[in-house]
Structures are given as C-alpha cells and as structure tokens.
N, C-alpha and C. Protein backbone atom coordinates (compact mmCIF):
# COMPACT_ATOMS: atom_id res chain seq x y z
N MET A 1 15.93 21.36 12.31
CA MET A 1 14.51 21.13 11.53
C MET A 1 13.56 22.23 11.24
N THR A 2 12.66 22.59 10.27
CA THR A 2 12.04 23.96 10.36
C THR A 2 11.20 23.03 9.44
N GLN A 3 9.33 23.44 10.16
CA GLN A 3 8.33 22.86 9.81
C GLN A 3 7.37 23.73 8.20
N THR A 4 7.31 23.04 7.20
CA THR A 4 6.41 23.82 6.43
C THR A 4 5.25 24.83 7.05
N ASN A 5 4.57 23.80 7.66
CA ASN A 5 3.67 24.37 8.58
C ASN A 5 3.34 25.39 9.17
N ALA A 6 2.11 26.45 8.48
CA ALA A 6 2.36 28.08 9.10
C ALA A 6 2.63 27.61 11.49
N SER A 7 1.55 26.41 11.75
CA SER A 7 0.76 26.81 13.02
C SER A 7 2.36 26.16 13.51
N SER A 8 3.16 25.81 13.23
CA SER A 8 3.88 25.19 14.00
C SER A 8 4.90 25.89 14.62
N GLU A 9 6.10 25.65 15.03
CA GLU A 9 7.44 26.06 15.45
C GLU A 9 8.25 25.91 15.09
N PRO A 10 8.73 27.39 15.04
CA PRO A 10 10.39 26.24 14.38
C PRO A 10 11.11 25.78 14.54
N ASP A 11 11.78 25.27 13.78
CA ASP A 11 12.97 24.43 14.85
C ASP A 11 11.97 22.81 15.77
N GLN A 12 10.98 22.64 16.06
CA GLN A 12 10.47 21.67 16.33
C GLN A 12 10.36 20.71 15.70
N ALA A 13 10.69 19.69 16.20
CA ALA A 13 10.53 18.35 15.58
C ALA A 13 9.36 17.96 15.20
N ALA A 14 9.05 17.10 14.67
CA ALA A 14 7.70 16.69 15.44
C ALA A 14 7.51 15.26 15.51
N THR A 15 7.01 14.82 17.18
CA THR A 15 7.10 13.44 17.32
C THR A 15 5.94 12.85 17.40
N GLY A 16 5.84 11.33 17.47
CA GLY A 16 4.08 10.53 17.32
C GLY A 16 4.73 9.34 17.85
N GLY A 17 3.90 8.29 17.77
CA GLY A 17 3.99 7.43 17.59
C GLY A 17 1.99 6.94 17.77
N CYS A 18 1.66 4.68 18.17
CA CYS A 18 1.43 4.35 18.98
C CYS A 18 0.74 4.50 20.43
N GLN A 19 -1.04 4.52 20.22
CA GLN A 19 -1.44 4.45 21.59
C GLN A 19 -1.33 2.80 22.32
N CYS A 20 0.16 2.02 22.45
CA CYS A 20 1.18 1.61 23.31
C CYS A 20 2.54 1.47 23.12
N GLY A 21 3.25 2.47 22.52
CA GLY A 21 4.64 3.05 22.58
C GLY A 21 5.64 2.54 21.15
N ARG A 22 4.83 0.90 21.35
CA ARG A 22 5.53 -0.34 19.93
C ARG A 22 6.14 0.53 18.91
N VAL A 23 5.58 1.30 18.39
CA VAL A 23 6.55 2.41 17.60
C VAL A 23 6.30 3.26 17.59
N ARG A 24 7.02 4.52 17.50
CA ARG A 24 8.23 5.67 17.40
C ARG A 24 7.90 6.80 16.42
N TYR A 25 7.84 7.31 16.27
CA TYR A 25 8.16 8.29 14.96
C TYR A 25 9.06 9.62 14.99
N ARG A 26 9.96 10.14 14.63
CA ARG A 26 10.17 12.45 14.37
C ARG A 26 10.46 11.89 12.64
N ILE A 27 8.87 13.28 12.78
CA ILE A 27 9.37 13.41 11.19
C ILE A 27 10.36 15.10 11.09
N GLY A 28 10.97 15.44 10.36
CA GLY A 28 12.15 16.55 10.33
C GLY A 28 11.00 17.75 10.48
N ARG A 29 10.22 16.96 8.80
CA ARG A 29 9.17 18.33 7.51
C ARG A 29 7.91 17.93 7.14
N LEU A 30 7.52 18.30 8.08
CA LEU A 30 5.58 18.49 7.58
C LEU A 30 4.81 19.17 6.94
N GLY A 31 4.17 18.45 5.58
CA GLY A 31 3.93 18.40 4.85
C GLY A 31 2.24 19.39 4.49
N LYS A 32 1.96 19.31 4.04
CA LYS A 32 0.46 20.03 3.42
C LYS A 32 -0.01 18.56 4.72
N ALA A 33 -1.49 19.01 5.07
CA ALA A 33 -2.47 18.23 5.67
C ALA A 33 -4.09 18.61 4.67
N SER A 34 -4.61 16.92 5.19
CA SER A 34 -5.39 16.88 4.94
C SER A 34 -6.30 16.29 5.18
N ILE A 35 -8.14 15.89 4.85
CA ILE A 35 -9.13 14.99 5.80
C ILE A 35 -9.35 14.17 4.78
N CYS A 36 -8.56 13.23 4.18
CA CYS A 36 -9.64 12.44 3.25
C CYS A 36 -11.24 11.40 3.82
N HIS A 37 -11.84 11.61 2.55
CA HIS A 37 -13.91 10.55 3.48
C HIS A 37 -13.56 9.44 2.35
N CYS A 38 -11.91 9.03 1.30
CA CYS A 38 -12.87 8.50 0.52
C CYS A 38 -13.15 6.99 1.71
N ARG A 39 -13.65 5.96 1.27
CA ARG A 39 -14.64 4.52 1.69
C ARG A 39 -12.85 3.49 2.31
N MET A 40 -12.15 3.92 1.60
CA MET A 40 -10.52 2.79 1.84
C MET A 40 -10.15 3.55 3.36
N CYS A 41 -10.06 4.73 3.86
CA CYS A 41 -9.80 5.37 4.67
C CYS A 41 -10.52 5.48 5.63
N GLN A 42 -12.19 5.48 4.98
CA GLN A 42 -13.34 5.92 6.26
C GLN A 42 -13.58 4.20 7.92
N ARG A 43 -12.31 3.54 6.50
CA ARG A 43 -12.92 2.01 6.91
C ARG A 43 -11.44 1.26 8.21
N ALA A 44 -10.31 1.98 7.27
CA ALA A 44 -8.92 1.72 6.94
C ALA A 44 -8.95 3.07 9.26
N PHE A 45 -9.65 3.83 8.62
CA PHE A 45 -9.16 4.47 10.33
C PHE A 45 -10.50 4.43 11.52
N GLY A 46 -11.22 3.36 10.88
CA GLY A 46 -12.64 2.99 11.90
C GLY A 46 -14.02 4.38 11.96
N SER A 47 -13.54 5.21 11.17
CA SER A 47 -14.67 7.03 11.42
C SER A 47 -14.74 7.91 9.57
N PHE A 48 -15.28 8.45 10.11
CA PHE A 48 -15.73 9.01 9.37
C PHE A 48 -14.81 9.70 8.43
N PHE A 49 -13.33 10.00 8.71
CA PHE A 49 -12.53 10.61 7.50
C PHE A 49 -11.58 10.22 7.66
N ALA A 50 -10.29 10.55 7.25
CA ALA A 50 -9.18 10.44 7.78
C ALA A 50 -8.30 11.37 7.78
N ALA A 51 -7.38 12.30 8.81
CA ALA A 51 -6.84 13.00 8.48
C ALA A 51 -4.81 12.54 8.37
N LEU A 52 -4.93 13.37 7.45
CA LEU A 52 -3.20 13.03 7.54
C LEU A 52 -2.24 14.56 7.39
N VAL A 53 -1.53 13.80 6.99
CA VAL A 53 -0.09 14.95 6.87
C VAL A 53 0.87 14.06 6.26
N GLU A 54 1.33 15.03 6.28
CA GLU A 54 2.05 14.52 4.97
C GLU A 54 3.73 14.63 5.14
N ALA A 55 4.62 13.32 5.05
CA ALA A 55 5.91 13.17 6.57
C ALA A 55 7.32 12.96 5.23
N GLY A 56 7.62 14.47 5.93
CA GLY A 56 9.19 14.33 5.19
C GLY A 56 9.63 14.71 5.91
N GLU A 57 11.11 13.80 5.80
CA GLU A 57 12.31 13.07 6.17
C GLU A 57 12.15 12.26 7.39
N LEU A 58 11.47 11.29 7.68
CA LEU A 58 10.52 10.32 8.43
C LEU A 58 11.43 9.61 8.66
N GLU A 59 11.57 8.78 10.55
CA GLU A 59 11.90 8.31 10.97
C GLU A 59 11.38 7.77 12.11
N TRP A 60 12.14 6.17 11.59
CA TRP A 60 10.96 5.44 12.73
C TRP A 60 12.44 4.95 13.70
N THR A 61 11.35 5.96 15.41
CA THR A 61 12.74 5.15 15.91
C THR A 61 12.60 4.23 17.06
N ARG A 62 11.36 4.70 17.25
CA ARG A 62 10.97 3.04 17.79
C ARG A 62 10.10 1.63 16.86
N GLY A 63 10.57 0.48 17.13
CA GLY A 63 10.11 -0.38 16.14
C GLY A 63 9.59 -0.05 14.60
N LYS A 64 8.96 -0.58 13.78
CA LYS A 64 8.20 0.18 12.25
C LYS A 64 7.24 -0.43 12.56
N PRO A 65 5.36 -0.29 11.73
CA PRO A 65 4.78 -0.20 11.12
C PRO A 65 4.91 -0.96 10.60
N ALA A 66 3.97 -2.54 10.63
CA ALA A 66 3.22 -3.44 10.21
C ALA A 66 2.37 -2.58 9.38
N LEU A 67 2.92 -3.57 7.74
CA LEU A 67 1.18 -2.66 6.44
C LEU A 67 0.82 -3.97 6.21
N PHE A 68 -0.45 -3.36 5.79
CA PHE A 68 -2.20 -3.30 5.00
C PHE A 68 -1.96 -3.35 3.53
N GLN A 69 -2.05 -3.82 3.02
CA GLN A 69 -1.99 -3.53 1.34
C GLN A 69 -3.48 -3.51 0.91
N SER A 70 -3.72 -2.17 0.44
CA SER A 70 -5.81 -1.63 0.99
C SER A 70 -5.57 -1.51 -0.95
N SER A 71 -5.52 -2.00 -1.25
CA SER A 71 -4.72 -1.79 -2.71
C SER A 71 -4.46 -2.25 -4.03
N GLU A 72 -3.65 -1.82 -4.70
CA GLU A 72 -2.88 -2.48 -5.79
C GLU A 72 -1.83 -1.57 -5.94
N THR A 73 -2.36 0.09 -5.09
CA THR A 73 -0.73 1.53 -5.19
C THR A 73 -0.88 1.49 -3.90
N ASN A 74 -1.43 1.01 -2.78
CA ASN A 74 -1.73 1.90 -1.49
C ASN A 74 -1.09 1.11 -0.26
N TRP A 75 -1.09 1.33 0.26
CA TRP A 75 -0.48 0.19 2.20
C TRP A 75 -1.03 0.96 2.87
N ARG A 76 -1.03 0.55 4.41
CA ARG A 76 -1.41 1.31 5.66
C ARG A 76 -0.59 1.01 6.59
N GLY A 77 -0.27 1.26 7.41
CA GLY A 77 0.71 1.15 8.67
C GLY A 77 0.15 1.25 9.46
N PHE A 78 0.20 0.22 10.18
CA PHE A 78 -0.30 0.41 11.99
C PHE A 78 0.11 -0.55 12.70
N CYS A 79 -0.10 0.01 13.89
CA CYS A 79 0.95 -0.71 14.77
C CYS A 79 -0.16 -2.26 15.67
N ALA A 80 0.70 -3.53 15.36
CA ALA A 80 0.68 -4.55 15.27
C ALA A 80 0.30 -4.93 16.37
N GLU A 81 0.49 -4.07 17.54
CA GLU A 81 0.41 -4.78 19.14
C GLU A 81 -1.52 -3.88 19.20
N CYS A 82 -0.87 -2.61 19.16
CA CYS A 82 -2.54 -2.19 19.69
C CYS A 82 -3.00 -2.24 18.31
N GLY A 83 -3.18 -1.62 17.10
CA GLY A 83 -3.74 -1.33 16.14
C GLY A 83 -4.01 -0.27 15.44
N THR A 84 -3.21 0.94 16.85
CA THR A 84 -3.14 1.91 16.12
C THR A 84 -3.23 2.58 14.40
N PRO A 85 -3.84 3.16 13.51
CA PRO A 85 -3.19 3.71 12.33
C PRO A 85 -2.08 4.32 12.44
N LEU A 86 -1.83 4.93 11.79
CA LEU A 86 -0.26 5.30 11.77
C LEU A 86 -0.61 5.71 10.60
N THR A 87 0.10 5.69 9.22
CA THR A 87 0.48 5.84 8.02
C THR A 87 -0.64 5.05 6.70
N TYR A 88 -0.86 5.72 5.16
CA TYR A 88 -1.01 5.69 4.38
C TYR A 88 0.26 6.25 3.84
N GLU A 89 0.58 5.64 2.76
CA GLU A 89 1.92 5.22 1.63
C GLU A 89 1.38 5.06 0.85
N PHE A 90 2.42 5.34 -0.57
CA PHE A 90 1.43 5.22 -2.34
C PHE A 90 2.49 5.40 -2.64
N ASP A 91 2.58 5.00 -3.76
CA ASP A 91 3.99 6.06 -4.55
C ASP A 91 5.56 6.58 -4.32
N GLY A 92 5.66 6.05 -2.89
CA GLY A 92 6.78 6.05 -2.71
C GLY A 92 6.51 8.61 -1.51
N HIS A 93 5.42 8.09 -1.25
CA HIS A 93 5.14 9.31 -0.32
C HIS A 93 4.72 7.99 0.69
N VAL A 94 4.06 9.16 2.34
CA VAL A 94 3.98 8.62 3.62
C VAL A 94 3.27 10.08 4.19
N GLU A 95 2.33 9.63 4.15
CA GLU A 95 1.55 10.32 4.97
C GLU A 95 1.08 9.95 6.33
N ILE A 96 1.90 10.55 7.62
CA ILE A 96 1.21 10.34 9.33
C ILE A 96 -0.46 10.36 9.14
N ALA A 97 -0.63 9.61 10.30
CA ALA A 97 -2.46 10.20 11.56
C ALA A 97 -2.42 11.11 11.87
N ILE A 98 -2.84 12.13 12.25
CA ILE A 98 -2.57 13.60 12.18
C ILE A 98 -2.94 13.22 14.24
N GLY A 99 -3.64 11.89 14.42
CA GLY A 99 -3.94 12.11 15.13
C GLY A 99 -2.61 11.06 16.07
N SER A 100 -1.89 10.82 15.80
CA SER A 100 -0.84 9.80 16.25
C SER A 100 0.31 11.00 16.11
N LEU A 101 0.11 12.28 16.17
CA LEU A 101 1.26 13.13 16.60
C LEU A 101 1.20 12.72 18.01
N ASP A 102 2.27 13.76 18.49
CA ASP A 102 2.79 13.52 19.96
C ASP A 102 1.38 15.24 20.47
N ASN A 103 1.78 16.04 19.44
CA ASN A 103 0.69 17.49 19.15
C ASN A 103 0.26 17.51 17.60
N PRO A 104 -0.94 17.08 17.64
CA PRO A 104 -1.64 17.07 16.46
C PRO A 104 -2.22 18.83 15.95
N ASP A 105 -2.15 19.28 17.23
CA ASP A 105 -2.22 20.99 16.28
C ASP A 105 -0.49 21.91 15.42
N LEU A 106 0.17 20.21 15.58
CA LEU A 106 0.96 20.46 14.41
C LEU A 106 0.61 20.72 12.95
N ALA A 107 -0.15 20.13 13.43
CA ALA A 107 -1.05 19.84 11.45
C ALA A 107 -2.69 19.72 11.71
N PRO A 108 -3.46 21.41 11.59
CA PRO A 108 -4.08 21.86 11.46
C PRO A 108 -4.49 21.17 9.95
N PRO A 109 -6.15 20.37 9.24
CA PRO A 109 -6.17 20.66 7.83
C PRO A 109 -5.95 21.75 7.06
N GLU A 110 -5.64 21.27 5.96
CA GLU A 110 -5.97 22.02 4.75
C GLU A 110 -7.23 22.52 3.13
N VAL A 111 -7.34 20.43 3.89
CA VAL A 111 -7.75 19.94 2.05
C VAL A 111 -8.31 19.89 2.25
N GLN A 112 -10.03 18.94 2.53
CA GLN A 112 -10.67 17.91 1.45
C GLN A 112 -10.25 17.30 1.15
N VAL A 113 -10.57 15.74 0.73
CA VAL A 113 -9.55 15.38 -0.11
C VAL A 113 -11.15 13.83 -0.23
N ASN A 114 -11.14 13.97 -1.73
CA ASN A 114 -12.70 12.54 -2.13
C ASN A 114 -14.40 13.23 -1.01
N ALA A 115 -13.75 14.15 -1.64
CA ALA A 115 -14.77 14.96 -1.35
C ALA A 115 -16.16 14.81 -1.47
N ARG A 116 -16.47 13.99 -2.13
CA ARG A 116 -17.54 12.69 -3.02
C ARG A 116 -18.46 12.42 -2.15
N TYR A 117 -16.94 11.45 -0.92
CA TYR A 117 -17.37 10.69 -0.67
C TYR A 117 -17.62 11.14 1.67
N GLN A 118 -17.79 11.53 1.28
CA GLN A 118 -18.35 12.00 2.47
C GLN A 118 -19.22 11.45 3.17
N ARG A 119 -19.23 11.41 4.16
CA ARG A 119 -20.87 10.63 4.61
C ARG A 119 -21.28 12.89 5.64
N PRO A 120 -22.64 11.99 4.99
CA PRO A 120 -23.82 13.07 4.51
C PRO A 120 -23.50 13.79 6.44
N CYS A 121 -23.63 13.09 7.71
CA CYS A 121 -23.77 14.02 8.89
C CYS A 121 -22.21 14.83 9.35
N VAL A 122 -21.13 14.19 8.86
CA VAL A 122 -19.94 15.38 8.92
C VAL A 122 -19.78 16.63 8.81
N GLN A 123 -21.37 17.14 7.75
CA GLN A 123 -22.17 18.52 7.67
C GLN A 123 -22.37 19.80 8.11
N THR A 124 -22.81 18.34 9.27
CA THR A 124 -23.85 18.84 10.94
C THR A 124 -23.41 19.44 12.24
N LEU A 125 -22.09 18.38 12.27
CA LEU A 125 -21.23 17.40 13.25
C LEU A 125 -21.17 18.94 14.05
N HIS A 126 -20.84 20.24 14.14
CA HIS A 126 -20.50 21.00 14.22
C HIS A 126 -22.13 22.05 15.20
N LEU A 127 -23.00 21.25 14.86
CA LEU A 127 -24.20 21.58 15.49
C LEU A 127 -24.47 20.98 16.11
N LEU A 128 -23.88 19.67 16.91
CA LEU A 128 -24.74 18.50 17.64
C LEU A 128 -24.26 19.65 18.97
N PRO A 129 -25.60 19.36 19.29
CA PRO A 129 -25.06 19.47 21.38
C PRO A 129 -24.29 19.36 22.09
N GLU A 130 -23.46 19.99 22.90
CA GLU A 130 -22.54 19.36 24.36
C GLU A 130 -22.84 19.27 25.16
N LYS A 131 -22.75 17.70 25.61
CA LYS A 131 -23.49 17.31 27.71
C LYS A 131 -24.47 18.34 27.68
N SER A 132 -24.69 18.46 29.20
CA SER A 132 -25.53 19.37 29.84
C SER A 132 -23.58 19.01 30.93
N ALA A 133 -23.68 20.69 31.23
CA ALA A 133 -22.69 20.73 32.49
C ALA A 133 -21.78 20.25 34.01
N SER A 134 -23.43 19.59 34.08
CA SER A 134 -23.43 18.35 35.37
C SER A 134 -22.39 17.29 34.09
N ASP A 135 -23.47 16.51 33.22
CA ASP A 135 -22.64 15.70 33.26
C ASP A 135 -21.00 15.40 32.10
N GLN A 136 -20.92 16.37 32.04
CA GLN A 136 -19.28 17.20 31.66
C GLN A 136 -18.56 16.95 32.63
N LEU A 137 -19.42 17.83 33.68
CA LEU A 137 -18.35 17.13 35.33
C LEU A 137 -18.46 16.19 35.81
N ARG A 138 -18.94 14.31 35.31
CA ARG A 138 -19.42 12.99 35.89
C ARG A 138 -17.88 13.01 34.53
N ASP A 139 -18.25 13.50 33.76
CA ASP A 139 -17.84 12.63 32.64
C ASP A 139 -15.33 13.28 32.62
N GLU A 140 -15.59 14.12 32.95
CA GLU A 140 -14.02 15.08 34.00
C GLU A 140 -13.72 14.08 35.35
N GLU A 141 -14.80 14.00 35.96
CA GLU A 141 -13.83 13.58 37.51
C GLU A 141 -14.03 11.92 37.06
N TRP A 142 -14.69 10.96 36.19
CA TRP A 142 -14.85 9.83 35.57
C TRP A 142 -13.38 9.80 35.06
N ASN A 143 -13.13 10.02 34.01
CA ASN A 143 -11.79 10.46 33.55
C ASN A 143 -10.58 9.73 34.17
N ALA A 144 -10.54 11.07 35.60
CA ALA A 144 -9.14 11.57 36.00
C ALA A 144 -9.79 10.14 37.62
N SER A 145 -10.74 10.04 37.01
CA SER A 145 -10.45 7.98 37.85
C SER A 145 -9.82 6.92 37.71
N VAL A 146 -9.43 7.12 35.83
CA VAL A 146 -9.27 6.13 34.87
C VAL A 146 -8.00 6.26 34.81
N THR A 147 -6.86 5.41 35.35
CA THR A 147 -5.67 5.09 35.04
C THR A 147 -4.98 4.85 33.10
N SER A 148 -4.18 5.45 32.75
CA SER A 148 -4.55 5.06 31.07
C SER A 148 -3.26 4.30 30.99
N PHE A 149 -3.61 3.35 29.87
CA PHE A 149 -2.02 2.45 29.63
C PHE A 149 -1.64 3.20 28.53
N GLN A 150 -2.29 4.29 27.58
CA GLN A 150 -1.34 4.98 27.09
C GLN A 150 -0.38 5.94 27.39
N HIS A 151 0.87 5.11 25.78
CA HIS A 151 1.60 5.34 25.85
C HIS A 151 1.40 7.92 25.83
N PRO A 152 2.89 8.08 27.48
CA PRO A 152 2.09 9.51 27.01
C PRO A 152 2.82 10.70 25.41
N ASP A 153 1.98 11.36 25.33
CA ASP A 153 2.59 12.09 24.10
C ASP A 153 3.63 12.70 23.95
N HIS A 154 5.37 12.09 24.76
CA HIS A 154 6.76 12.21 24.42
C HIS A 154 7.40 10.98 24.21
N ASP A 155 8.50 11.01 23.79
CA ASP A 155 9.34 10.26 23.56
C ASP A 155 9.61 9.80 24.92
N THR A 156 10.29 8.60 25.08
CA THR A 156 10.72 7.72 26.84
C THR A 156 12.05 6.73 26.35
N PRO A 157 12.15 6.25 27.71
CA PRO A 157 14.04 5.85 26.85
C PRO A 157 13.39 4.54 26.80
C-alpha cells in the first residue's frame, strides 16, 4: 500500500486508534491533510481546530467508533469508552483525526479549511514563550514518573 502523502514512506500502512485501544484502524491510502477551524470541529475536538486527513481504504481492525450526527449531513466518530475523537464523516467520505494516527507525522496539514472561523490566538501561537529550562526539566521528570494507561502507538494482540 503506497501513501499519497509526500512525507510518508512507501508501502507503510498508516495505523492508529483511540487512547484506550478499544478502537483501532488501518488506512491503506492517506489523502490530503487539513486543519478545519469551523465551530463544529472546535467543539468536537475540544480545541482551537481539528486536524484531519482523508482516509482511503479504511479498515476498522478492533472495534468501531460510536457516531454522533453533528448536522444533517455530517457525523463525528469517537471511542465510546475513552472519548477520543476519531472521524469526520460526510457524503460517504471519512477523514481521520491526525492525532489518532500512530505516527501523526505521516499527515502534515496541507491546507486550512473554514479559516474565517479561526480563533484569533491561533495566529500567534508560535510566538508564545516556552517554559524555562528548569521548568521543562521538572516537567520531564514528572512525565517520567507517570504510568500511562493509554494504548501504545502500535497494534497489539
């Protein structure tokens, strides 16, 4: 299976799933990746925007997402157990949440959709300062002390 996205490696299937591992998928062909700023996507993802990629040859390999009909033409797929946003579905098309990919770097966004609804702060996020080196070190130490219950970034039996 060859990806259409220039950043991906040939013959590498894209896999992913939710936080808890109840829902897993495999994508045979990644299409165009985008960031959508519409209010429905902001609410569905609980964020400033939704990062999505067209999912060709999508196969659910473990479980299936629950669906919420967010409008008369659109559905949002999510894990009913942990709440992870997984899909945006419309007109027979499915887009997958880029953050749910095991390797999100396979789908760098290529275009912004509904940019007129972009939250003003998004324009200046890259200007925000980073925490001090000592604060970052404390964060890393704390992160290392935490036992994650999230599913790993790969398929499991």
